[in-house]
Protein backbone atom coordinates (compact mmCIF):
# COMPACT_ATOMS: atom_id res chain seq x y z
CA MET A 1 28.42 -50.09 26.41
CA ALA A 2 28.56 -46.27 25.32
CA LYS A 3 30.80 -45.28 23.05
CA LYS A 4 33.88 -42.83 24.20
CA ASP A 5 35.96 -40.26 22.05
CA ILE A 6 39.70 -40.41 22.25
CA PHE A 7 39.67 -38.01 25.68
CA GLY A 8 37.71 -41.15 27.03
CA ASP A 9 34.37 -38.81 27.17
CA GLU A 10 31.17 -40.41 26.30
CA VAL A 11 29.75 -39.87 22.91
CA ASN A 12 26.12 -38.84 22.70
CA GLU A 13 25.33 -40.52 19.19
CA THR A 14 21.93 -38.88 19.16
CA LYS A 15 22.91 -35.64 19.63
CA ASP A 16 25.79 -35.78 17.61
CA MET A 17 23.31 -37.05 14.63
CA ALA A 18 21.05 -33.88 15.43
CA SER A 19 23.88 -31.56 15.10
CA PHE A 20 24.84 -32.96 11.95
CA GLU A 21 21.19 -32.99 10.42
CA GLU A 22 21.01 -29.26 11.67
CA LEU A 23 24.20 -28.44 9.83
CA PHE A 24 23.34 -30.52 6.88
CA ALA A 25 19.47 -28.35 6.65
CA GLN A 26 21.37 -25.21 7.08
CA SER A 27 23.83 -25.94 4.27
CA GLU A 28 20.96 -26.88 2.31
CA GLN A 29 19.06 -23.64 2.92
CA ASN A 30 22.34 -21.67 1.96
CA GLN A 31 22.48 -23.50 -0.88
CA ASN A 32 18.63 -22.82 -1.88
CA LEU A 33 19.33 -19.72 -0.59
CA ASP A 34 22.11 -19.05 -3.47
CA ARG A 35 20.37 -20.91 -6.01
CA ARG A 36 17.09 -18.40 -5.65
CA VAL A 37 18.32 -15.03 -4.69
CA ARG A 38 21.15 -13.04 -6.50
CA VAL A 39 22.54 -9.40 -5.58
CA GLY A 40 20.41 -7.18 -7.99
CA ASP A 41 17.22 -9.32 -7.77
CA ASN A 42 14.06 -7.55 -7.40
CA ILE A 43 11.83 -8.91 -4.52
CA ARG A 44 8.13 -8.19 -3.85
CA GLY A 45 7.74 -9.03 0.11
CA GLU A 46 5.63 -8.77 3.06
CA ILE A 47 7.00 -6.41 6.00
CA LEU A 48 7.08 -8.96 8.57
CA SER A 49 8.34 -6.70 11.64
CA ILE A 50 9.75 -3.35 12.09
CA GLY A 51 12.44 -2.40 14.77
CA LYS A 52 14.03 0.55 15.96
CA GLU A 53 16.79 0.38 13.18
CA GLU A 54 15.85 -2.37 10.89
CA ALA A 55 12.36 -4.29 9.66
CA PHE A 56 12.33 -8.02 8.22
CA VAL A 57 10.87 -8.57 4.80
CA SER A 58 9.78 -12.11 3.28
CA THR A 59 12.06 -12.94 0.40
CA GLY A 60 10.09 -16.10 -0.83
CA THR A 61 13.15 -18.35 0.37
CA PRO A 62 13.66 -19.63 4.18
CA VAL A 63 15.38 -16.66 4.92
CA ASP A 64 13.97 -13.13 5.67
CA GLY A 65 15.48 -9.86 4.63
CA LEU A 66 16.52 -7.52 6.75
CA ILE A 67 15.78 -3.42 5.53
CA LEU A 68 16.69 -0.12 7.31
CA ARG A 69 14.05 1.33 8.89
CA GLN A 70 15.17 4.65 7.75
CA ASP A 71 14.02 3.36 3.84
CA LEU A 72 10.47 2.86 5.18
CA LEU A 73 10.20 6.70 5.94
CA ASP A 74 8.72 9.37 3.80
CA GLU A 75 9.81 12.96 2.87
CA ASN A 76 8.62 13.82 6.26
CA LYS A 77 10.61 11.27 8.04
CA GLU A 78 7.46 9.41 9.31
CA LEU A 79 7.09 5.50 8.83
CA LYS A 80 5.00 4.96 5.90
CA TYR A 81 4.62 1.74 5.90
CA LYS A 82 3.30 -0.91 8.52
CA VAL A 83 3.56 -4.67 9.49
CA GLY A 84 1.61 -6.69 6.83
CA ASP A 85 2.51 -4.22 4.16
CA ILE A 86 3.69 -5.38 0.29
CA ILE A 87 7.09 -3.34 -0.40
CA GLU A 88 9.29 -3.19 -3.49
CA CYS A 89 12.64 -4.07 -2.91
CA VAL A 90 16.20 -5.02 -4.23
CA VAL A 91 18.87 -7.06 -3.12
CA ILE A 92 21.89 -5.32 -2.37
CA ALA A 93 24.00 -7.92 -0.46
CA ILE A 94 24.35 -11.48 0.56
CA LYS A 95 26.67 -12.24 3.40
CA GLY A 96 26.71 -15.30 5.93
CA GLY A 97 23.39 -16.26 4.74
CA GLU A 98 21.77 -12.75 5.37
CA ILE A 99 19.83 -10.93 2.95
CA ARG A 100 20.21 -7.25 3.04
CA LEU A 101 17.54 -5.37 1.00
CA SER A 102 16.82 -1.83 0.18
CA LYS A 103 13.62 -0.39 -1.06
CA ARG A 104 13.75 0.24 -4.97
CA GLY A 105 14.72 3.93 -5.86
CA SER A 106 15.90 4.58 -2.46
CA LYS A 107 18.91 7.07 -1.91
CA ASN A 108 20.47 4.80 0.67
CA ALA A 109 20.79 1.79 -1.99
CA THR A 110 24.21 3.17 -2.87
CA THR A 111 27.29 1.05 -4.34
CA ASP A 112 30.40 1.91 -5.72
CA SER A 113 30.34 0.31 -9.23
CA LEU A 114 28.34 1.53 -11.69
CA GLU A 115 27.69 -1.83 -13.51
CA ASP A 116 26.20 -2.87 -9.96
CA ALA A 117 23.95 0.18 -9.76
CA PHE A 118 23.01 -0.54 -13.23
CA ASP A 119 22.44 -4.45 -12.56
CA MET A 120 20.28 -3.43 -9.15
CA GLU A 121 18.72 -0.36 -10.60
CA LEU A 122 19.92 1.70 -8.05
CA PRO A 123 20.18 5.49 -8.34
CA VAL A 124 23.57 7.19 -8.61
CA GLU A 125 24.14 10.69 -8.09
CA GLY A 126 25.71 12.66 -11.21
CA ARG A 127 26.51 16.57 -11.91
CA VAL A 128 25.42 18.15 -15.22
CA THR A 129 28.97 19.33 -16.94
CA GLU A 130 27.24 20.94 -19.93
CA VAL A 131 24.72 20.74 -22.68
CA VAL A 132 25.63 18.76 -25.70
CA ASN A 133 23.30 18.06 -29.04
CA GLY A 134 20.05 16.07 -27.91
CA GLY A 135 20.88 16.31 -23.87
CA PHE A 136 23.33 16.61 -21.15
CA ARG A 137 26.99 15.29 -20.61
CA LEU A 138 27.18 14.31 -16.96
CA SER A 139 30.32 13.30 -14.36
CA ILE A 140 28.98 10.43 -12.25
CA GLN A 141 31.75 8.92 -10.07
CA GLY A 142 34.82 9.88 -12.13
CA LYS A 143 33.34 8.88 -15.61
CA THR A 144 31.51 10.49 -18.65
CA ALA A 145 27.71 9.99 -18.96
CA PHE A 146 24.95 11.16 -21.08
CA CYS A 147 21.54 11.95 -20.38
CA PRO A 148 18.61 12.68 -23.01
CA VAL A 149 16.98 16.28 -22.79
CA SER A 150 13.55 14.38 -22.41
CA GLN A 151 14.84 12.19 -19.61
CA ILE A 152 16.23 15.26 -17.39
CA ASP A 153 12.77 16.06 -15.69
CA MET A 154 9.19 15.09 -16.15
CA LYS A 155 8.29 18.54 -17.38
CA PHE A 156 9.02 19.80 -20.88
CA VAL A 157 12.17 21.55 -20.90
CA THR A 158 12.72 24.76 -22.54
CA ASP A 159 16.02 26.25 -20.80
CA THR A 160 18.68 23.70 -20.70
CA ALA A 161 20.91 26.12 -19.15
CA GLU A 162 19.07 25.72 -15.78
CA TYR A 163 20.42 22.29 -15.02
CA VAL A 164 23.99 22.86 -15.72
CA ASP A 165 26.18 22.82 -12.63
CA LYS A 166 23.60 20.76 -10.74
CA LYS A 167 23.47 17.42 -9.05
CA PHE A 168 20.35 15.11 -9.48
CA GLU A 169 20.17 11.37 -8.69
CA PHE A 170 19.99 9.24 -12.20
CA MET A 171 18.91 5.64 -12.91
CA ILE A 172 21.41 4.02 -15.31
CA THR A 173 19.60 2.65 -18.19
CA GLN A 174 22.52 1.45 -20.54
CA PHE A 175 25.89 0.32 -19.58
CA ASP A 176 28.59 -0.47 -21.31
CA LYS A 177 32.42 0.30 -21.97
CA ARG A 178 31.65 3.17 -24.47
CA ASN A 179 28.50 4.48 -23.39
CA ILE A 180 26.58 4.95 -19.99
CA VAL A 181 23.17 6.42 -20.62
CA VAL A 182 21.27 7.46 -17.59
CA SER A 183 17.48 9.00 -16.83
CA ARG A 184 16.36 11.30 -13.84
CA ARG A 185 12.91 11.09 -15.22
CA ARG A 186 12.56 7.27 -14.80
CA LEU A 187 13.48 7.82 -11.02
CA LEU A 188 11.12 10.89 -10.55
CA GLU A 189 8.14 8.79 -12.07
CA GLN A 190 9.14 6.13 -9.68
CA GLN A 191 9.31 8.33 -6.75
CA ARG A 192 5.78 10.17 -7.87
CA ALA A 193 4.11 6.70 -8.36
CA GLU A 194 5.30 6.04 -4.81
CA ASN A 195 3.83 9.41 -3.44
CA GLU A 196 0.64 8.86 -5.44
CA GLY A 197 -0.18 5.51 -3.88
CA THR A 198 0.50 7.17 -0.27
CA PHE A 199 -1.46 10.07 -1.09
CA MET A 200 -4.65 7.92 -2.02
CA LEU A 201 -4.70 5.89 1.29
CA LYS A 202 -4.07 9.21 3.47
CA HIS A 203 -6.79 11.55 1.68
CA GLN A 204 -10.55 10.99 0.98
CA PRO A 205 -12.66 13.58 -1.08
CA GLY A 206 -14.00 16.73 0.68
CA ALA A 207 -10.27 17.19 2.32
CA LEU A 208 -9.28 20.88 1.36
CA PHE A 209 -5.72 21.65 0.33
CA GLU A 210 -3.21 24.87 0.27
CA ALA A 211 -2.03 24.19 -3.29
CA LYS A 212 0.12 26.33 -5.63
CA VAL A 213 -1.00 26.86 -9.38
CA MET A 214 1.86 25.30 -12.02
CA ARG A 215 0.42 25.85 -15.13
CA LEU A 216 -2.83 26.84 -16.68
CA GLU A 217 -4.61 25.59 -19.82
CA LYS A 218 -7.71 26.14 -21.53
CA PHE A 219 -9.59 23.35 -20.05
CA GLY A 220 -8.45 24.03 -16.44
CA ALA A 221 -5.50 24.52 -13.97
CA PHE A 222 -2.81 22.19 -12.80
CA VAL A 223 -2.22 22.76 -8.89
CA GLU A 224 0.54 21.06 -6.97
CA LEU A 225 -0.79 19.61 -3.64
CA GLU A 226 2.10 18.00 -2.42
CA PRO A 227 5.94 17.85 -3.52
CA GLY A 228 5.42 15.52 -6.97
CA ILE A 229 1.47 15.52 -6.42
CA GLU A 230 -0.62 17.45 -8.97
CA GLY A 231 -4.43 17.78 -9.39
CA LEU A 232 -6.62 19.62 -11.95
CA VAL A 233 -8.98 22.27 -11.12
CA HIS A 234 -11.40 22.04 -13.98
CA VAL A 235 -12.54 25.60 -15.73
CA SER A 236 -16.17 24.75 -14.68
CA GLU A 237 -15.03 24.30 -10.98
CA VAL A 238 -12.66 27.74 -10.73
CA SER A 239 -15.35 30.03 -10.34
CA TRP A 240 -19.03 30.29 -9.86
CA SER A 241 -19.03 32.84 -12.03
CA ARG A 242 -19.09 31.59 -15.87
CA ILE A 243 -15.65 32.08 -17.13
CA HIS A 244 -13.81 30.93 -20.78
CA ASP A 245 -10.41 30.69 -19.54
CA PRO A 246 -8.74 30.06 -16.14
CA LYS A 247 -6.07 32.67 -17.04
CA GLU A 248 -9.54 35.23 -15.89
CA VAL A 249 -9.25 34.32 -12.50
CA LEU A 250 -5.75 32.31 -12.08
CA SER A 251 -2.05 32.88 -12.72
CA VAL A 252 0.93 30.63 -12.26
CA GLY A 253 2.47 30.59 -9.07
CA GLN A 254 -0.64 31.88 -6.90
CA GLN A 255 -1.34 29.71 -3.85
CA ILE A 256 -5.28 28.70 -3.58
CA THR A 257 -7.12 26.54 -1.49
CA VAL A 258 -8.86 23.95 -3.12
CA LYS A 259 -11.41 21.02 -2.66
CA LEU A 260 -10.75 17.27 -3.26
CA LEU A 261 -13.90 16.07 -5.10
CA LYS A 262 -12.51 12.64 -6.35
CA ILE A 263 -9.58 10.29 -7.19
CA ASP A 264 -9.50 7.90 -10.06
CA ASP A 265 -6.45 5.37 -11.01
CA VAL A 266 -6.33 5.80 -15.07
CA ASP A 267 -4.19 3.26 -16.37
CA GLY A 268 -1.89 3.29 -13.51
CA LYS A 269 -1.79 6.92 -13.40
CA LEU A 270 -3.40 9.06 -10.39
CA LYS A 271 -6.14 11.41 -11.96
CA ILE A 272 -6.92 13.95 -9.25
CA SER A 273 -10.37 16.36 -9.70
CA LEU A 274 -10.49 19.66 -7.84
CA SER A 275 -12.52 22.41 -6.90
CA LEU A 276 -11.79 25.85 -6.34
CA LYS A 277 -15.41 27.47 -6.38
CA GLN A 278 -16.62 25.04 -3.66
CA ALA A 279 -13.37 24.91 -1.35
CA ASP A 280 -15.14 28.18 0.26
CA GLY A 281 -17.93 26.82 2.46
CA ASP A 282 -21.26 26.89 1.54
CA GLY A 283 -20.59 29.72 -1.17
CA ASN A 284 -22.72 28.60 -3.66
CA PRO A 285 -24.46 31.97 -4.74
CA TRP A 286 -27.58 30.28 -6.16
CA ASN A 287 -28.62 29.22 -2.38
CA SER A 288 -29.64 33.01 -2.00
CA VAL A 289 -31.49 33.21 -4.86
CA PRO A 290 -35.03 32.58 -4.16
CA ALA A 291 -34.88 35.32 -1.30
CA LYS A 292 -32.77 38.01 -3.46
CA TYR A 293 -34.13 37.58 -6.88
CA PRO A 294 -37.58 36.59 -6.33
CA VAL A 295 -39.90 36.41 -9.57
CA GLY A 296 -40.81 40.01 -10.80
CA THR A 297 -37.70 41.69 -9.50
CA VAL A 298 -35.85 43.96 -12.04
CA VAL A 299 -32.06 43.90 -12.18
CA LYS A 300 -29.05 45.07 -14.39
CA GLY A 301 -26.93 42.77 -15.62
CA LYS A 302 -24.31 42.07 -18.30
CA VAL A 303 -24.63 40.27 -21.58
CA GLU A 304 -22.23 37.38 -21.18
CA LYS A 305 -23.12 35.03 -24.28
CA LYS A 306 -25.33 35.67 -27.62
CA GLU A 307 -27.01 32.95 -29.05
CA THR A 308 -29.50 32.81 -32.13
CA TYR A 309 -32.28 31.99 -29.72
CA GLY A 310 -31.49 34.46 -26.87
CA MET A 311 -28.77 36.02 -24.74
CA PHE A 312 -27.00 34.91 -21.65
CA VAL A 313 -27.33 37.64 -19.06
CA ASN A 314 -25.10 37.46 -15.75
CA ILE A 315 -27.12 39.36 -13.07
CA ALA A 316 -24.45 38.24 -10.11
CA PRO A 317 -21.39 36.75 -9.56
CA GLY A 318 -22.26 33.04 -10.39
CA ILE A 319 -25.87 33.94 -11.37
CA THR A 320 -26.58 33.84 -15.25
CA GLY A 321 -30.05 33.66 -16.98
CA LEU A 322 -31.55 33.36 -20.34
CA LEU A 323 -33.44 36.26 -21.99
CA PRO A 324 -34.89 34.41 -24.78
CA ARG A 325 -35.04 36.34 -28.30
CA VAL A 326 -38.78 36.09 -28.39
CA LYS A 327 -38.83 38.44 -25.52
CA TRP A 328 -37.63 41.30 -27.39
CA ARG A 329 -38.19 40.16 -31.16
CA ASP A 330 -41.56 42.12 -31.47
CA SER A 331 -40.86 44.93 -28.82
CA VAL A 332 -40.42 48.64 -30.09
CA ASP A 333 -36.39 48.16 -28.86
CA ALA A 334 -35.68 45.42 -30.86
CA ALA A 335 -33.00 46.88 -32.95
CA GLN A 336 -31.54 48.07 -29.62
CA TYR A 337 -31.34 44.40 -27.88
CA GLU A 338 -30.32 43.04 -31.60
CA ASN A 339 -27.06 45.28 -31.19
CA LYS A 340 -26.27 44.17 -27.86
CA LYS A 341 -22.58 42.36 -27.45
CA ARG A 342 -20.81 40.81 -24.78
CA GLY A 343 -20.17 42.74 -22.10
CA ASP A 344 -23.02 45.21 -22.54
CA GLU A 345 -25.29 46.17 -20.07
CA ILE A 346 -28.76 45.35 -19.59
CA THR A 347 -31.78 45.77 -17.79
CA VAL A 348 -33.87 42.56 -17.15
CA GLN A 349 -36.94 41.23 -15.16
CA ILE A 350 -37.01 37.75 -13.27
CA ASP A 351 -39.78 36.01 -14.74
CA GLN A 352 -38.93 32.36 -13.60
CA ILE A 353 -36.43 30.49 -11.30
CA MET A 354 -35.83 26.75 -11.96
CA PHE A 355 -33.66 26.36 -8.85
CA GLU A 356 -33.03 22.34 -8.80
CA GLU A 357 -32.07 23.03 -12.68
CA LYS A 358 -30.01 26.27 -11.95
CA LYS A 359 -31.83 28.25 -14.55
CA ILE A 360 -33.40 31.56 -14.32
CA SER A 361 -35.64 32.90 -17.23
CA LEU A 362 -35.34 36.30 -17.85
CA GLY A 363 -37.68 38.94 -19.75
CA LEU A 364 -37.92 42.61 -20.56
CA PRO A 365 -39.15 44.86 -17.40
CA GLY A 366 -42.85 45.93 -17.06
CA GLU A 367 -43.53 42.74 -19.81
CA ALA A 368 -44.96 40.82 -17.06
CA THR A 369 -48.16 38.77 -17.79
CA ASP A 370 -51.46 40.81 -16.41
CA ASP A 371 -53.29 38.46 -14.13
CA SER A 372 -55.56 41.14 -12.70
CA TRP A 373 -58.50 39.84 -14.86
CA LYS A 374 -58.52 37.13 -12.40
CA SER A 375 -59.82 39.25 -9.44
CA HIS A 376 -63.10 40.21 -11.52
CA THR A 377 -66.20 38.13 -11.16
CA SER A 378 -69.23 37.97 -13.40
CA THR A 379 -72.28 40.60 -12.31
CA SER A 380 -75.84 40.97 -13.27
CA SER A 381 -74.75 44.12 -14.91
CA GLY A 382 -72.26 42.06 -17.33
CA PHE A 383 -72.49 39.33 -19.71
CA GLY A 384 -74.76 37.41 -17.19
CA SER A 385 -77.52 40.23 -17.95
CA LEU A 386 -76.67 39.71 -21.87
CA GLY A 387 -77.44 36.06 -21.74
CA ASP A 388 -80.50 37.02 -19.71
CA ALA A 389 -81.72 39.03 -22.19
CA LEU A 390 -81.23 36.76 -25.18
CA LYS A 391 -83.52 34.16 -23.57
CA GLY A 392 -86.12 36.44 -24.44
CA LEU A 393 -85.73 36.41 -27.84
CA ASP A 394 -87.48 34.07 -30.06
CA LEU A 395 -84.54 33.27 -32.71
CA LYS A 396 -85.44 30.64 -34.79
CA PRO A 397 -82.97 29.22 -37.66
CA LYS A 398 -83.96 30.79 -40.87
CA LYS A 399 -85.46 27.53 -43.01
């Protein structure tokens, strides 16, 4: 006989048992969730789905986490992730068995508590109020904080006054009742790492970029390709002409077009190699050398460099040849050539072109080898006649 409850209705023991088991499983799940995930925990999870407002991310627990779709957008408001991508998140809330996530370093991951922001490694906004010994004093949510001068930016700071009265995002690196220490540099490094990862996925060698020259060194020029993304144009890739310093061609702030040569990941840092001279299509001046400067051509050039074994002479933009010392050492004008210095004009002759090696051997005008003798042949009145005459002589060796 079926059991009835106090209202006279039949009791479905099987259904009630199932409901009990579901409640027990849910309770156990919440306990597991509570035991394994805490607010402030860092989670590295897979994006399971992306909706119009939110996306689901695996958390390593029976409950998937929710993250705002806007956290997955790049600086151009375009979706930079797809289903299956792995993303670094931080737990910002656990309510009703739901896990709320935010991407690490995201401006959307805000909190009213500086202690929570410190625990969860979330950025906070602060205003630089003044320059103090060793750094800056800031106002963050009504509290005073300190930022070391080395942590205010990724570049070397020379003018501290430029940061005063400006608002920035900071990461709290030290938090106690007496001191709050923050770093803007750490946040910028995180953002750069994310940007570099996206850059590697989007671009391949051969791509052209409109870039801005940021700083010049003896070995090359650093240029900005995208916000936070810099590459190096080595001095050898600045111009087809031989230059000794990028400053001869470039200036800070100049807009240039560069070609991406290669991308390397060195110790977790992106190394981007670029070329300015190769960005102009087939602008290699060497391609015109055989037709424009055939062997025997006399041209005017400028001494580019002088060595003990000879002089390097620039005969056209990007085209340099070597005039060996042996070519002028025994000439009547030897002293004149010995006195030549960098920048002096000199007239030379193309003696040899080694196209594959991109080398040209030069000589002095009018000193090409005389090969006219090859056009002459022996005749009966020449050396052959003398030989015939000798045959008729009775020449015997003396005893």
